[in-house]
Amino acid sequence: MIGSHQHHLIKEGRKEMKRYGLLFTCMASRAVHIETLGSLSTDAFINGLRRFLALRGPVRQLRSDRGTNFIGAENEFEKAWAKVDHQKVREFLLRDGCDYVQFNFNVPSASHMGGAWERLIRSTRSILQTLMHQSGLQLDDESLRTFLYEATAIINSRPLTVDPLSDPTSPEPLTPNHLLTMKSKVLLPPPGNFQREDLYSTKRWRRVQHLINEFWTRWWREFLQSLQARQKWTQPRREACIGDVVIMKDEDTPRNHWLLARIEEVYPSDDRHVRKVKLVMGDTQIDNQGKRIKPLRFLERPIHKLVLILPAAP
């Protein structure tokens, strides 16, 4: 597990209050969990750990950097994190058989050196930082917790595997949410159209839903960009092939949904380059009797609206 912090300003009555987000990433399932802290004191940190362990169960190892490589407020984090009694935290965890490792994992502004987990933290915190800087004062403690939990569900909705797409009778791909909840259903947003004006609504739940829609849009784009290979236009690009697994880039994609599909047929142009393909959707579901709930869907899309995530076997 990886622990990480980020602070936010919220408003309780007429007071501006500082809150911290304690972010955990599972090295096995790639799942994310975010807890809120009122401070970076040792007791607040241990209480956050206890809430996490109570919900998710014991862990074997907790790794943490020292909070000095975050965007902005480096000095504040360095001073606050230095005050945490890490020996007390270590003894607390060792009683439950969990090893605690504290170290500087990478240098500032070099999240790519930490591998997939650090890139995940970087993407999450950068989006949260932007949204909370712009609109955090429209939230109170309860709204902030709701917002962070909804953001967690979005992050954990991303697909981990695409193997079932090779078999049209298989259910949808595995996600961290499937592993955490042991349920295949996707958490749907509440009905309604949430606009920027809702940030100033007297109904705080509408403020949260507008912000979480903003988080989904930014996270969706960030995740797809991380999947796309950066190539110079002078280099030849791989042509789309039958059997490739792709994600469709659709701006109207519902929250917590990832439109995965497999290329069923390609349509080369006169210059022999593939610019349009026929897809079979990977959102089929199977009931308890092994019968298909949704029929297969076939549709055509231009390749610039697709992101390759698994090339077909040669």
C-alpha atoms as a PDB file:
ATOM      1  CA  MET A   1       0.000   0.000   0.000  1.00  0.00           C
ATOM      2  CA  ILE A   2       1.110   3.562  -0.671  1.00  0.00           C
ATOM      3  CA  GLY A   3       0.071   6.484   1.571  1.00  0.00           C
ATOM      4  CA  SER A   4      -0.134  10.029   0.207  1.00  0.00           C
ATOM      5  CA  HIS A   5      -1.481  13.399   1.387  1.00  0.00           C
ATOM      6  CA  GLN A   6      -3.094  16.476  -0.122  1.00  0.00           C
ATOM      7  CA  HIS A   7      -4.761  19.426   1.604  1.00  0.00           C
ATOM      8  CA  HIS A   8      -8.031  21.184   0.745  1.00  0.00           C
ATOM      9  CA  LEU A   9      -9.801  24.293   2.041  1.00  0.00           C
ATOM     10  CA  ILE A  10     -13.504  23.939   2.862  1.00  0.00           C
ATOM     11  CA  LYS A  11     -16.033  26.186   4.592  1.00  0.00           C
ATOM     12  CA  GLU A  12     -17.919  25.383   7.805  1.00  0.00           C
ATOM     13  CA  GLY A  13     -20.329  28.240   8.491  1.00  0.00           C
ATOM     14  CA  ARG A  14     -18.212  31.349   8.051  1.00  0.00           C
ATOM     15  CA  LYS A  15     -14.917  29.658   8.857  1.00  0.00           C
ATOM     16  CA  GLU A  16     -12.440  28.362   6.317  1.00  0.00           C
ATOM     17  CA  MET A  17     -11.104  24.990   7.456  1.00  0.00           C
ATOM     18  CA  LYS A  18      -8.163  23.004   6.156  1.00  0.00           C
ATOM     19  CA  ARG A  19      -8.686  19.306   5.456  1.00  0.00           C
ATOM     20  CA  TYR A  20      -6.262  16.678   4.195  1.00  0.00           C
ATOM     21  CA  GLY A  21      -6.866  13.771   1.865  1.00  0.00           C
ATOM     22  CA  LEU A  22      -5.062  10.534   2.814  1.00  0.00           C
ATOM     23  CA  LEU A  23      -4.789   8.470  -0.357  1.00  0.00           C
ATOM     24  CA  PHE A  24      -4.038   4.739  -0.397  1.00  0.00           C
ATOM     25  CA  THR A  25      -3.210   2.690  -3.474  1.00  0.00           C
ATOM     26  CA  CYS A  26      -3.220  -1.115  -3.442  1.00  0.00           C
ATOM     27  CA  MET A  27      -0.221  -2.616  -5.223  1.00  0.00           C
ATOM     28  CA  ALA A  28      -2.132  -5.832  -5.985  1.00  0.00           C
ATOM     29  CA  SER A  29      -5.585  -4.684  -7.116  1.00  0.00           C
ATOM     30  CA  ARG A  30      -4.630  -1.109  -8.178  1.00  0.00           C
ATOM     31  CA  ALA A  31      -7.596   0.064  -6.122  1.00  0.00           C
ATOM     32  CA  VAL A  32      -7.625   3.502  -4.483  1.00  0.00           C
ATOM     33  CA  HIS A  33      -9.064   4.632  -1.144  1.00  0.00           C
ATOM     34  CA  ILE A  34      -9.214   8.230   0.132  1.00  0.00           C
ATOM     35  CA  GLU A  35      -9.731   9.234   3.774  1.00  0.00           C
ATOM     36  CA  THR A  36     -10.132  12.786   5.120  1.00  0.00           C
ATOM     37  CA  LEU A  37      -7.986  14.097   7.982  1.00  0.00           C
ATOM     38  CA  GLY A  38      -8.455  17.239  10.031  1.00  0.00           C
ATOM     39  CA  SER A  39      -4.701  17.643  10.493  1.00  0.00           C
ATOM     40  CA  LEU A  40      -1.397  15.873   9.942  1.00  0.00           C
ATOM     41  CA  SER A  41      -0.943  15.040  13.618  1.00  0.00           C
ATOM     42  CA  THR A  42       0.069  11.521  14.600  1.00  0.00           C
ATOM     43  CA  ASP A  43      -3.331  10.781  16.166  1.00  0.00           C
ATOM     44  CA  ALA A  44      -5.230  12.052  13.111  1.00  0.00           C
ATOM     45  CA  PHE A  45      -3.013   9.948  10.848  1.00  0.00           C
ATOM     46  CA  ILE A  46      -3.530   6.791  12.956  1.00  0.00           C
ATOM     47  CA  ASN A  47      -7.282   7.389  13.086  1.00  0.00           C
ATOM     48  CA  GLY A  48      -7.286   7.675   9.300  1.00  0.00           C
ATOM     49  CA  LEU A  49      -5.384   4.398   9.100  1.00  0.00           C
ATOM     50  CA  ARG A  50      -7.849   2.752  11.472  1.00  0.00           C
ATOM     51  CA  ARG A  51     -10.816   3.861   9.361  1.00  0.00           C
ATOM     52  CA  PHE A  52      -9.107   2.521   6.256  1.00  0.00           C
ATOM     53  CA  LEU A  53      -8.234  -0.829   7.896  1.00  0.00           C
ATOM     54  CA  ALA A  54     -11.732  -1.153   9.369  1.00  0.00           C
ATOM     55  CA  LEU A  55     -13.260  -0.808   5.884  1.00  0.00           C
ATOM     56  CA  ARG A  56     -10.689  -2.606   3.742  1.00  0.00           C
ATOM     57  CA  GLY A  57      -9.113  -5.087   6.165  1.00  0.00           C
ATOM     58  CA  PRO A  58      -5.499  -5.543   7.315  1.00  0.00           C
ATOM     59  CA  VAL A  59      -2.571  -4.990   4.967  1.00  0.00           C
ATOM     60  CA  ARG A  60       0.862  -6.602   4.867  1.00  0.00           C
ATOM     61  CA  GLN A  61       2.947  -3.512   4.185  1.00  0.00           C
ATOM     62  CA  LEU A  62       2.365   0.236   4.192  1.00  0.00           C
ATOM     63  CA  ARG A  63       4.828   2.353   2.259  1.00  0.00           C
ATOM     64  CA  SER A  64       4.858   6.114   2.406  1.00  0.00           C
ATOM     65  CA  ASP A  65       6.908   8.979   1.085  1.00  0.00           C
ATOM     66  CA  ARG A  66       7.446  12.040   3.270  1.00  0.00           C
ATOM     67  CA  GLY A  67       5.011  14.325   1.518  1.00  0.00           C
ATOM     68  CA  THR A  68       7.611  16.708   0.059  1.00  0.00           C
ATOM     69  CA  ASN A  69       6.985  16.041  -3.613  1.00  0.00           C
ATOM     70  CA  PHE A  70       3.470  17.421  -3.942  1.00  0.00           C
ATOM     71  CA  ILE A  71       2.308  20.272  -6.128  1.00  0.00           C
ATOM     72  CA  GLY A  72       2.579  23.424  -4.025  1.00  0.00           C
ATOM     73  CA  ALA A  73       2.953  23.838  -0.254  1.00  0.00           C
ATOM     74  CA  GLU A  74       6.094  21.664  -0.137  1.00  0.00           C
ATOM     75  CA  ASN A  75       7.491  23.395   2.940  1.00  0.00           C
ATOM     76  CA  GLU A  76       4.200  23.057   4.822  1.00  0.00           C
ATOM     77  CA  PHE A  77       3.989  19.331   4.127  1.00  0.00           C
ATOM     78  CA  GLU A  78       7.647  18.781   5.010  1.00  0.00           C
ATOM     79  CA  LYS A  79       7.228  20.465   8.404  1.00  0.00           C
ATOM     80  CA  ALA A  80       3.900  18.797   9.193  1.00  0.00           C
ATOM     81  CA  TRP A  81       5.015  15.347   8.079  1.00  0.00           C
ATOM     82  CA  ALA A  82       8.218  15.673  10.146  1.00  0.00           C
ATOM     83  CA  LYS A  83       6.075  16.147  13.283  1.00  0.00           C
ATOM     84  CA  VAL A  84       4.323  12.810  12.822  1.00  0.00           C
ATOM     85  CA  ASP A  85       5.639  10.207  15.275  1.00  0.00           C
ATOM     86  CA  HIS A  86       6.492   7.565  12.699  1.00  0.00           C
ATOM     87  CA  GLN A  87       7.785   5.181  15.371  1.00  0.00           C
ATOM     88  CA  LYS A  88       4.339   5.292  17.021  1.00  0.00           C
ATOM     89  CA  VAL A  89       2.717   4.598  13.659  1.00  0.00           C
ATOM     90  CA  ARG A  90       5.142   1.729  13.032  1.00  0.00           C
ATOM     91  CA  GLU A  91       4.429   0.153  16.442  1.00  0.00           C
ATOM     92  CA  PHE A  92       0.686   0.533  15.864  1.00  0.00           C
ATOM     93  CA  LEU A  93       0.908  -1.300  12.538  1.00  0.00           C
ATOM     94  CA  LEU A  94       3.307  -3.999  13.737  1.00  0.00           C
ATOM     95  CA  ARG A  95       0.742  -5.098  16.322  1.00  0.00           C
ATOM     96  CA  ASP A  96      -1.465  -6.072  13.380  1.00  0.00           C
ATOM     97  CA  GLY A  97       1.400  -7.728  11.512  1.00  0.00           C
ATOM     98  CA  CYS A  98       1.867  -4.870   9.046  1.00  0.00           C
ATOM     99  CA  ASP A  99       5.325  -3.570   8.143  1.00  0.00           C
ATOM    100  CA  TYR A 100       5.665   0.224   7.825  1.00  0.00           C
ATOM    101  CA  VAL A 101       8.256   1.722   5.483  1.00  0.00           C
ATOM    102  CA  GLN A 102       8.868   5.484   5.420  1.00  0.00           C
ATOM    103  CA  PHE A 103      11.190   6.906   2.776  1.00  0.00           C
ATOM    104  CA  ASN A 104      11.555   9.416  -0.033  1.00  0.00           C
ATOM    105  CA  PHE A 105      10.419   7.310  -2.948  1.00  0.00           C
ATOM    106  CA  ASN A 106      11.308   9.755  -5.674  1.00  0.00           C
ATOM    107  CA  VAL A 107      12.505  13.270  -6.270  1.00  0.00           C
ATOM    108  CA  PRO A 108      10.058  16.203  -6.565  1.00  0.00           C
ATOM    109  CA  SER A 109       8.229  16.527  -9.896  1.00  0.00           C
ATOM    110  CA  ALA A 110       9.322  13.033 -10.978  1.00  0.00           C
ATOM    111  CA  SER A 111       6.238  10.915 -10.351  1.00  0.00           C
ATOM    112  CA  HIS A 112       7.071   8.776 -13.369  1.00  0.00           C
ATOM    113  CA  MET A 113       9.958   7.247 -11.391  1.00  0.00           C
ATOM    114  CA  GLY A 114       7.509   5.557  -9.014  1.00  0.00           C
ATOM    115  CA  GLY A 115       5.842   3.366 -11.603  1.00  0.00           C
ATOM    116  CA  ALA A 116       2.135   2.874 -12.215  1.00  0.00           C
ATOM    117  CA  TRP A 117       1.058   3.567  -8.634  1.00  0.00           C
ATOM    118  CA  GLU A 118       2.812   6.949  -8.508  1.00  0.00           C
ATOM    119  CA  ARG A 119       1.369   8.015 -11.859  1.00  0.00           C
ATOM    120  CA  LEU A 120      -2.072   7.088 -10.514  1.00  0.00           C
ATOM    121  CA  ILE A 121      -1.520   9.245  -7.420  1.00  0.00           C
ATOM    122  CA  ARG A 122      -0.169  12.094  -9.536  1.00  0.00           C
ATOM    123  CA  SER A 123      -3.203  12.096 -11.836  1.00  0.00           C
ATOM    124  CA  THR A 124      -5.651  11.879  -8.938  1.00  0.00           C
ATOM    125  CA  ARG A 125      -4.130  14.607  -6.833  1.00  0.00           C
ATOM    126  CA  SER A 126      -3.635  17.013  -9.752  1.00  0.00           C
ATOM    127  CA  ILE A 127      -7.339  16.816 -10.679  1.00  0.00           C
ATOM    128  CA  LEU A 128      -8.451  17.082  -7.052  1.00  0.00           C
ATOM    129  CA  GLN A 129      -6.099  19.993  -6.462  1.00  0.00           C
ATOM    130  CA  THR A 130      -7.543  21.923  -9.406  1.00  0.00           C
ATOM    131  CA  LEU A 131     -11.186  21.281  -8.537  1.00  0.00           C
ATOM    132  CA  MET A 132     -10.767  22.003  -4.839  1.00  0.00           C
ATOM    133  CA  HIS A 133      -8.780  25.160  -5.498  1.00  0.00           C
ATOM    134  CA  GLN A 134     -11.593  26.412  -7.715  1.00  0.00           C
ATOM    135  CA  SER A 135     -14.616  25.247  -5.741  1.00  0.00           C
ATOM    136  CA  GLY A 136     -13.538  23.739  -2.409  1.00  0.00           C
ATOM    137  CA  LEU A 137     -15.043  26.568  -0.383  1.00  0.00           C
ATOM    138  CA  GLN A 138     -18.486  25.545  -1.663  1.00  0.00           C
ATOM    139  CA  LEU A 139     -18.177  22.310   0.346  1.00  0.00           C
ATOM    140  CA  ASP A 140     -18.428  21.482   4.034  1.00  0.00           C
ATOM    141  CA  ASP A 141     -17.005  18.421   5.825  1.00  0.00           C
ATOM    142  CA  GLU A 142     -19.841  16.101   4.851  1.00  0.00           C
ATOM    143  CA  SER A 143     -19.867  17.261   1.237  1.00  0.00           C
ATOM    144  CA  LEU A 144     -16.097  16.837   0.997  1.00  0.00           C
ATOM    145  CA  ARG A 145     -16.272  13.237   2.229  1.00  0.00           C
ATOM    146  CA  THR A 146     -19.036  12.468  -0.255  1.00  0.00           C
ATOM    147  CA  PHE A 147     -17.052  14.054  -3.083  1.00  0.00           C
ATOM    148  CA  LEU A 148     -13.879  12.082  -2.247  1.00  0.00           C
ATOM    149  CA  TYR A 149     -15.780   8.793  -1.954  1.00  0.00           C
ATOM    150  CA  GLU A 150     -17.479   9.378  -5.310  1.00  0.00           C
ATOM    151  CA  ALA A 151     -14.094  10.241  -6.834  1.00  0.00           C
ATOM    152  CA  THR A 152     -12.726   6.980  -5.415  1.00  0.00           C
ATOM    153  CA  ALA A 153     -15.534   5.022  -7.087  1.00  0.00           C
ATOM    154  CA  ILE A 154     -14.698   6.686 -10.414  1.00  0.00           C
ATOM    155  CA  ILE A 155     -10.989   5.852 -10.165  1.00  0.00           C
ATOM    156  CA  ASN A 156     -11.797   2.264  -9.215  1.00  0.00           C
ATOM    157  CA  SER A 157     -14.180   1.862 -12.171  1.00  0.00           C
ATOM    158  CA  ARG A 158     -11.340   1.768 -14.716  1.00  0.00           C
ATOM    159  CA  PRO A 159     -10.821  -1.608 -16.445  1.00  0.00           C
ATOM    160  CA  LEU A 160      -7.958  -3.828 -15.276  1.00  0.00           C
ATOM    161  CA  THR A 161      -8.363  -6.707 -17.718  1.00  0.00           C
ATOM    162  CA  VAL A 162      -9.639  -7.091 -21.240  1.00  0.00           C
ATOM    163  CA  ASP A 163      -9.386 -10.868 -21.589  1.00  0.00           C
ATOM    164  CA  PRO A 164     -13.183 -11.416 -21.589  1.00  0.00           C
ATOM    165  CA  LEU A 165     -13.497  -9.355 -24.771  1.00  0.00           C
ATOM    166  CA  SER A 166     -11.935 -12.182 -26.746  1.00  0.00           C
ATOM    167  CA  ASP A 167     -14.959 -14.266 -25.764  1.00  0.00           C
ATOM    168  CA  PRO A 168     -18.252 -12.553 -26.702  1.00  0.00           C
ATOM    169  CA  THR A 169     -20.139 -14.652 -24.131  1.00  0.00           C
ATOM    170  CA  SER A 170     -18.047 -13.383 -21.201  1.00  0.00           C
ATOM    171  CA  PRO A 171     -19.136 -10.646 -18.770  1.00  0.00           C
ATOM    172  CA  GLU A 172     -17.630  -7.152 -18.715  1.00  0.00           C
ATOM    173  CA  PRO A 173     -13.928  -6.659 -17.851  1.00  0.00           C
ATOM    174  CA  LEU A 174     -12.682  -6.729 -14.285  1.00  0.00           C
ATOM    175  CA  THR A 175     -12.267  -3.440 -12.374  1.00  0.00           C
ATOM    176  CA  PRO A 176     -10.940  -2.599  -8.872  1.00  0.00           C
ATOM    177  CA  ASN A 177     -14.564  -1.962  -7.846  1.00  0.00           C
ATOM    178  CA  HIS A 178     -15.427  -5.569  -8.688  1.00  0.00           C
ATOM    179  CA  LEU A 179     -12.659  -6.770  -6.367  1.00  0.00           C
ATOM    180  CA  LEU A 180     -13.627  -4.408  -3.553  1.00  0.00           C
ATOM    181  CA  THR A 181     -17.412  -4.778  -3.625  1.00  0.00           C
ATOM    182  CA  MET A 182     -17.715  -8.273  -5.135  1.00  0.00           C
ATOM    183  CA  LYS A 183     -20.523  -6.844  -7.266  1.00  0.00           C
ATOM    184  CA  SER A 184     -20.700  -6.422 -11.024  1.00  0.00           C
ATOM    185  CA  LYS A 185     -23.141  -3.503 -11.062  1.00  0.00           C
ATOM    186  CA  VAL A 186     -21.826  -0.010 -11.779  1.00  0.00           C
ATOM    187  CA  LEU A 187     -22.623   2.849  -9.390  1.00  0.00           C
ATOM    188  CA  LEU A 188     -24.873   5.148 -11.397  1.00  0.00           C
ATOM    189  CA  PRO A 189     -25.115   8.928 -10.823  1.00  0.00           C
ATOM    190  CA  PRO A 190     -28.392  10.285  -9.410  1.00  0.00           C
ATOM    191  CA  PRO A 191     -30.907  11.468 -12.008  1.00  0.00           C
ATOM    192  CA  GLY A 192     -30.741  15.111 -12.981  1.00  0.00           C
ATOM    193  CA  ASN A 193     -28.754  17.629 -14.974  1.00  0.00           C
ATOM    194  CA  PHE A 194     -26.079  19.292 -12.851  1.00  0.00           C
ATOM    195  CA  GLN A 195     -24.701  22.648 -14.044  1.00  0.00           C
ATOM    196  CA  ARG A 196     -22.070  25.050 -12.716  1.00  0.00           C
ATOM    197  CA  GLU A 197     -24.870  27.078 -11.102  1.00  0.00           C
ATOM    198  CA  ASP A 198     -25.405  24.131  -8.759  1.00  0.00           C
ATOM    199  CA  LEU A 199     -22.162  25.075  -6.991  1.00  0.00           C
ATOM    200  CA  TYR A 200     -24.172  27.844  -5.310  1.00  0.00           C
ATOM    201  CA  SER A 201     -27.286  25.788  -4.688  1.00  0.00           C
ATOM    202  CA  THR A 202     -28.669  25.545  -1.163  1.00  0.00           C
ATOM    203  CA  LYS A 203     -28.817  21.780  -1.774  1.00  0.00           C
ATOM    204  CA  ARG A 204     -25.245  20.750  -1.060  1.00  0.00           C
ATOM    205  CA  TRP A 205     -25.676  17.339  -2.667  1.00  0.00           C
ATOM    206  CA  ARG A 206     -26.141  19.105  -6.009  1.00  0.00           C
ATOM    207  CA  ARG A 207     -22.829  20.916  -5.480  1.00  0.00           C
ATOM    208  CA  VAL A 208     -21.144  17.556  -4.953  1.00  0.00           C
ATOM    209  CA  GLN A 209     -22.704  16.001  -8.050  1.00  0.00           C
ATOM    210  CA  HIS A 210     -21.596  18.882 -10.273  1.00  0.00           C
ATOM    211  CA  LEU A 211     -18.032  18.632  -8.956  1.00  0.00           C
ATOM    212  CA  ILE A 212     -17.912  14.860  -9.315  1.00  0.00           C
ATOM    213  CA  ASN A 213     -19.123  15.160 -12.922  1.00  0.00           C
ATOM    214  CA  GLU A 214     -16.225  17.566 -13.483  1.00  0.00           C
ATOM    215  CA  PHE A 215     -13.860  15.048 -11.858  1.00  0.00           C
ATOM    216  CA  TRP A 216     -15.159  12.250 -14.103  1.00  0.00           C
ATOM    217  CA  THR A 217     -14.616  14.296 -17.271  1.00  0.00           C
ATOM    218  CA  ARG A 218     -11.052  15.229 -16.309  1.00  0.00           C
ATOM    219  CA  TRP A 219     -10.152  11.777 -14.997  1.00  0.00           C
ATOM    220  CA  TRP A 220     -11.600  10.108 -18.108  1.00  0.00           C
ATOM    221  CA  ARG A 221      -9.447  12.298 -20.378  1.00  0.00           C
ATOM    222  CA  GLU A 222      -6.347  11.883 -18.213  1.00  0.00           C
ATOM    223  CA  PHE A 223      -6.685   8.113 -18.134  1.00  0.00           C
ATOM    224  CA  LEU A 224      -7.149   7.833 -21.898  1.00  0.00           C
ATOM    225  CA  GLN A 225      -4.169  10.118 -22.528  1.00  0.00           C
ATOM    226  CA  SER A 226      -2.028   7.901 -20.317  1.00  0.00           C
ATOM    227  CA  LEU A 227      -2.921   4.933 -22.537  1.00  0.00           C
ATOM    228  CA  GLN A 228      -2.064   6.624 -25.816  1.00  0.00           C
ATOM    229  CA  ALA A 229       1.486   6.250 -27.083  1.00  0.00           C
ATOM    230  CA  ARG A 230       3.203   9.508 -27.954  1.00  0.00           C
ATOM    231  CA  GLN A 231       4.610   9.217 -31.481  1.00  0.00           C
ATOM    232  CA  LYS A 232       6.045  11.783 -33.849  1.00  0.00           C
ATOM    233  CA  TRP A 233       4.024  12.302 -36.982  1.00  0.00           C
ATOM    234  CA  THR A 234       7.106  11.423 -39.065  1.00  0.00           C
ATOM    235  CA  GLN A 235       7.103   7.862 -37.706  1.00  0.00           C
ATOM    236  CA  PRO A 236       4.863   5.189 -39.247  1.00  0.00           C
ATOM    237  CA  ARG A 237       1.963   4.266 -37.002  1.00  0.00           C
ATOM    238  CA  ARG A 238       0.628   0.788 -36.458  1.00  0.00           C
ATOM    239  CA  GLU A 239      -2.571   0.141 -38.398  1.00  0.00           C
ATOM    240  CA  ALA A 240      -5.680  -0.974 -36.529  1.00  0.00           C
ATOM    241  CA  CYS A 241      -6.098  -4.743 -36.729  1.00  0.00           C
ATOM    242  CA  ILE A 242      -8.922  -7.231 -36.258  1.00  0.00           C
ATOM    243  CA  GLY A 243      -8.874  -8.399 -32.655  1.00  0.00           C
ATOM    244  CA  ASP A 244      -7.491  -5.160 -31.169  1.00  0.00           C
ATOM    245  CA  VAL A 245      -9.182  -4.155 -27.912  1.00  0.00           C
ATOM    246  CA  VAL A 246      -9.965  -0.438 -27.698  1.00  0.00           C
ATOM    247  CA  ILE A 247     -11.735   2.161 -25.574  1.00  0.00           C
ATOM    248  CA  MET A 248     -14.083   4.492 -27.419  1.00  0.00           C
ATOM    249  CA  LYS A 249     -13.519   8.225 -26.896  1.00  0.00           C
ATOM    250  CA  ASP A 250     -17.067   9.450 -26.412  1.00  0.00           C
ATOM    251  CA  GLU A 251     -17.493  12.735 -24.517  1.00  0.00           C
ATOM    252  CA  ASP A 252     -21.012  11.682 -23.498  1.00  0.00           C
ATOM    253  CA  THR A 253     -19.853   8.489 -21.783  1.00  0.00           C
ATOM    254  CA  PRO A 254     -21.882   8.009 -18.573  1.00  0.00           C
ATOM    255  CA  ARG A 255     -20.060   8.301 -15.286  1.00  0.00           C
ATOM    256  CA  ASN A 256     -18.152   5.175 -14.195  1.00  0.00           C
ATOM    257  CA  HIS A 257     -18.582   3.594 -17.650  1.00  0.00           C
ATOM    258  CA  TRP A 258     -15.724   2.669 -19.979  1.00  0.00           C
ATOM    259  CA  LEU A 259     -16.822   1.819 -23.510  1.00  0.00           C
ATOM    260  CA  LEU A 260     -14.594  -1.136 -24.337  1.00  0.00           C
ATOM    261  CA  ALA A 261     -14.869  -2.907 -27.663  1.00  0.00           C
ATOM    262  CA  ARG A 262     -13.039  -5.311 -29.941  1.00  0.00           C
ATOM    263  CA  ILE A 263     -12.313  -4.583 -33.603  1.00  0.00           C
ATOM    264  CA  GLU A 264     -14.328  -7.018 -35.696  1.00  0.00           C
ATOM    265  CA  GLU A 265     -13.540  -5.653 -39.152  1.00  0.00           C
ATOM    266  CA  VAL A 266     -11.283  -2.981 -40.702  1.00  0.00           C
ATOM    267  CA  TYR A 267     -11.993  -0.769 -43.733  1.00  0.00           C
ATOM    268  CA  PRO A 268      -8.789   0.312 -45.533  1.00  0.00           C
ATOM    269  CA  SER A 269      -8.980   3.529 -47.568  1.00  0.00           C
ATOM    270  CA  ASP A 270      -7.652   3.954 -51.099  1.00  0.00           C
ATOM    271  CA  ASP A 271      -4.187   4.649 -49.683  1.00  0.00           C
ATOM    272  CA  ARG A 272      -4.383   1.343 -47.755  1.00  0.00           C
ATOM    273  CA  HIS A 273      -4.525   3.056 -44.371  1.00  0.00           C
ATOM    274  CA  VAL A 274      -7.269   2.000 -41.968  1.00  0.00           C
ATOM    275  CA  ARG A 275      -9.355   4.965 -40.893  1.00  0.00           C
ATOM    276  CA  LYS A 276     -12.626   3.241 -39.987  1.00  0.00           C
ATOM    277  CA  VAL A 277     -13.398  -0.019 -38.232  1.00  0.00           C
ATOM    278  CA  LYS A 278     -16.333  -2.156 -37.178  1.00  0.00           C
ATOM    279  CA  LEU A 279     -16.541  -2.835 -33.444  1.00  0.00           C
ATOM    280  CA  VAL A 280     -18.240  -5.371 -31.214  1.00  0.00           C
ATOM    281  CA  MET A 281     -19.062  -3.925 -27.805  1.00  0.00           C
ATOM    282  CA  GLY A 282     -17.689  -5.513 -24.655  1.00  0.00           C
ATOM    283  CA  ASP A 283     -20.498  -4.488 -22.297  1.00  0.00           C
ATOM    284  CA  THR A 284     -22.399  -7.762 -22.424  1.00  0.00           C
ATOM    285  CA  GLN A 285     -23.531  -9.360 -19.142  1.00  0.00           C
ATOM    286  CA  ILE A 286     -24.352 -12.929 -18.219  1.00  0.00           C
ATOM    287  CA  ASP A 287     -27.053 -13.924 -15.709  1.00  0.00           C
ATOM    288  CA  ASN A 288     -26.838 -16.707 -13.098  1.00  0.00           C
ATOM    289  CA  GLN A 289     -27.996 -19.301 -15.633  1.00  0.00           C
ATOM    290  CA  GLY A 290     -25.238 -18.382 -18.066  1.00  0.00           C
ATOM    291  CA  LYS A 291     -27.632 -16.648 -20.480  1.00  0.00           C
ATOM    292  CA  ARG A 292     -26.839 -13.345 -22.153  1.00  0.00           C
ATOM    293  CA  ILE A 293     -28.693 -10.359 -20.686  1.00  0.00           C
ATOM    294  CA  LYS A 294     -27.682  -7.894 -23.380  1.00  0.00           C
ATOM    295  CA  PRO A 295     -27.177  -8.849 -27.045  1.00  0.00           C
ATOM    296  CA  LEU A 296     -23.900  -8.072 -28.781  1.00  0.00           C
ATOM    297  CA  ARG A 297     -23.726  -4.592 -30.299  1.00  0.00           C
ATOM    298  CA  PHE A 298     -21.933  -3.839 -33.551  1.00  0.00           C
ATOM    299  CA  LEU A 299     -21.082  -0.310 -34.664  1.00  0.00           C
ATOM    300  CA  GLU A 300     -18.639   1.576 -36.845  1.00  0.00           C
ATOM    301  CA  ARG A 301     -16.201   4.224 -35.621  1.00  0.00           C
ATOM    302  CA  PRO A 302     -13.264   6.247 -37.036  1.00  0.00           C
ATOM    303  CA  ILE A 303      -9.924   5.271 -35.530  1.00  0.00           C
ATOM    304  CA  HIS A 304      -9.273   8.766 -34.134  1.00  0.00           C
ATOM    305  CA  LYS A 305     -12.171   8.103 -31.741  1.00  0.00           C
ATOM    306  CA  LEU A 306     -10.496   4.961 -30.364  1.00  0.00           C
ATOM    307  CA  VAL A 307      -7.677   4.306 -27.912  1.00  0.00           C
ATOM    308  CA  LEU A 308      -5.797   1.020 -28.282  1.00  0.00           C
ATOM    309  CA  ILE A 309      -5.317  -0.784 -24.982  1.00  0.00           C
ATOM    310  CA  LEU A 310      -4.468  -4.331 -26.113  1.00  0.00           C
ATOM    311  CA  PRO A 311      -3.102  -5.151 -29.601  1.00  0.00           C
ATOM    312  CA  ALA A 312      -4.256  -8.348 -31.251  1.00  0.00           C
ATOM    313  CA  ALA A 313      -1.890 -11.297 -31.012  1.00  0.00           C
ATOM    314  CA  PRO A 314       0.404 -11.464 -34.048  1.00  0.00           C
END
